[in-house]
Amino acid sequence: MLVVPHGGTGQNCTYTGCVVDLNDSCPSELKVMKREGGDGVACKSACEAFRQPQ
């Protein structure tokens, strides 16, 4: 995903985003999948996935 500013008057507005899919490196036990199956769409934290506070 790439976010590009459009319009505005700021001098320091530049684009930002990810040039690689960071979800590809997410371990399978932390991966959030699309409902229809297929690719992962997010990566949970270990605390959230395993319901452990550490």
C-alpha atoms as a PDB file:
ATOM      1  CA  MET A   1       0.000   0.000   0.000  1.00  0.00           C
ATOM      2  CA  LEU A   2       1.226   3.456  -0.793  1.00  0.00           C
ATOM      3  CA  VAL A   3      -0.310   6.665   0.548  1.00  0.00           C
ATOM      4  CA  VAL A   4       0.309   9.750  -1.576  1.00  0.00           C
ATOM      5  CA  PRO A   5      -0.709  13.272  -0.489  1.00  0.00           C
ATOM      6  CA  HIS A   6      -2.975  15.122  -2.888  1.00  0.00           C
ATOM      7  CA  GLY A   7      -3.489  18.857  -2.651  1.00  0.00           C
ATOM      8  CA  GLY A   8      -2.819  20.738   0.575  1.00  0.00           C
ATOM      9  CA  THR A   9      -0.210  23.348   1.314  1.00  0.00           C
ATOM     10  CA  GLY A  10       2.351  21.550   3.490  1.00  0.00           C
ATOM     11  CA  GLN A  11       5.943  21.651   2.302  1.00  0.00           C
ATOM     12  CA  ASN A  12       6.919  18.361   3.952  1.00  0.00           C
ATOM     13  CA  CYS A  13       4.127  16.144   2.643  1.00  0.00           C
ATOM     14  CA  THR A  14       5.684  13.082   1.077  1.00  0.00           C
ATOM     15  CA  TYR A  15       4.393   9.642   0.240  1.00  0.00           C
ATOM     16  CA  THR A  16       4.604   6.743   2.672  1.00  0.00           C
ATOM     17  CA  GLY A  17       3.729   3.093   2.664  1.00  0.00           C
ATOM     18  CA  CYS A  18       5.062  -0.442   2.455  1.00  0.00           C
ATOM     19  CA  VAL A  19       6.836  -1.731  -0.611  1.00  0.00           C
ATOM     20  CA  VAL A  20       6.674  -5.373   0.540  1.00  0.00           C
ATOM     21  CA  ASP A  21       3.893  -7.480   2.030  1.00  0.00           C
ATOM     22  CA  LEU A  22       4.778  -7.666   5.731  1.00  0.00           C
ATOM     23  CA  ASN A  23       2.067 -10.282   6.314  1.00  0.00           C
ATOM     24  CA  ASP A  24       4.146 -12.825   4.360  1.00  0.00           C
ATOM     25  CA  SER A  25       6.559 -13.110   7.301  1.00  0.00           C
ATOM     26  CA  CYS A  26       3.787 -13.545   9.897  1.00  0.00           C
ATOM     27  CA  PRO A  27       3.826 -16.982  11.611  1.00  0.00           C
ATOM     28  CA  SER A  28       0.772 -19.084  10.728  1.00  0.00           C
ATOM     29  CA  GLU A  29      -0.454 -19.186  14.346  1.00  0.00           C
ATOM     30  CA  LEU A  30      -0.638 -15.360  14.386  1.00  0.00           C
ATOM     31  CA  LYS A  31      -2.025 -14.867  10.872  1.00  0.00           C
ATOM     32  CA  VAL A  32      -5.518 -13.413  10.351  1.00  0.00           C
ATOM     33  CA  MET A  33      -7.045 -14.857   7.195  1.00  0.00           C
ATOM     34  CA  LYS A  34      -9.722 -13.520   4.847  1.00  0.00           C
ATOM     35  CA  ARG A  35     -13.150 -15.005   5.485  1.00  0.00           C
ATOM     36  CA  GLU A  36     -13.196 -16.418   1.965  1.00  0.00           C
ATOM     37  CA  GLY A  37      -9.835 -18.091   2.538  1.00  0.00           C
ATOM     38  CA  GLY A  38      -6.680 -17.256   0.707  1.00  0.00           C
ATOM     39  CA  ASP A  39      -4.032 -14.827   1.854  1.00  0.00           C
ATOM     40  CA  GLY A  40      -3.457 -13.440   5.318  1.00  0.00           C
ATOM     41  CA  VAL A  41      -4.703  -9.904   5.863  1.00  0.00           C
ATOM     42  CA  ALA A  42      -3.139  -9.127   9.255  1.00  0.00           C
ATOM     43  CA  CYS A  43      -0.828 -10.456  11.940  1.00  0.00           C
ATOM     44  CA  LYS A  44      -1.976 -10.620  15.580  1.00  0.00           C
ATOM     45  CA  SER A  45       0.337  -9.909  18.479  1.00  0.00           C
ATOM     46  CA  ALA A  46       1.343 -12.991  20.479  1.00  0.00           C
ATOM     47  CA  CYS A  47      -0.497 -11.550  23.522  1.00  0.00           C
ATOM     48  CA  GLU A  48      -3.718 -11.324  21.538  1.00  0.00           C
ATOM     49  CA  ALA A  49      -3.388 -14.677  19.785  1.00  0.00           C
ATOM     50  CA  PHE A  50      -2.564 -16.706  22.896  1.00  0.00           C
ATOM     51  CA  ARG A  51      -4.489 -14.554  25.412  1.00  0.00           C
ATOM     52  CA  GLN A  52      -1.417 -14.220  27.610  1.00  0.00           C
ATOM     53  CA  PRO A  53      -0.332 -10.899  29.161  1.00  0.00           C
ATOM     54  CA  GLN A  54       3.425 -11.448  28.693  1.00  0.00           C
END
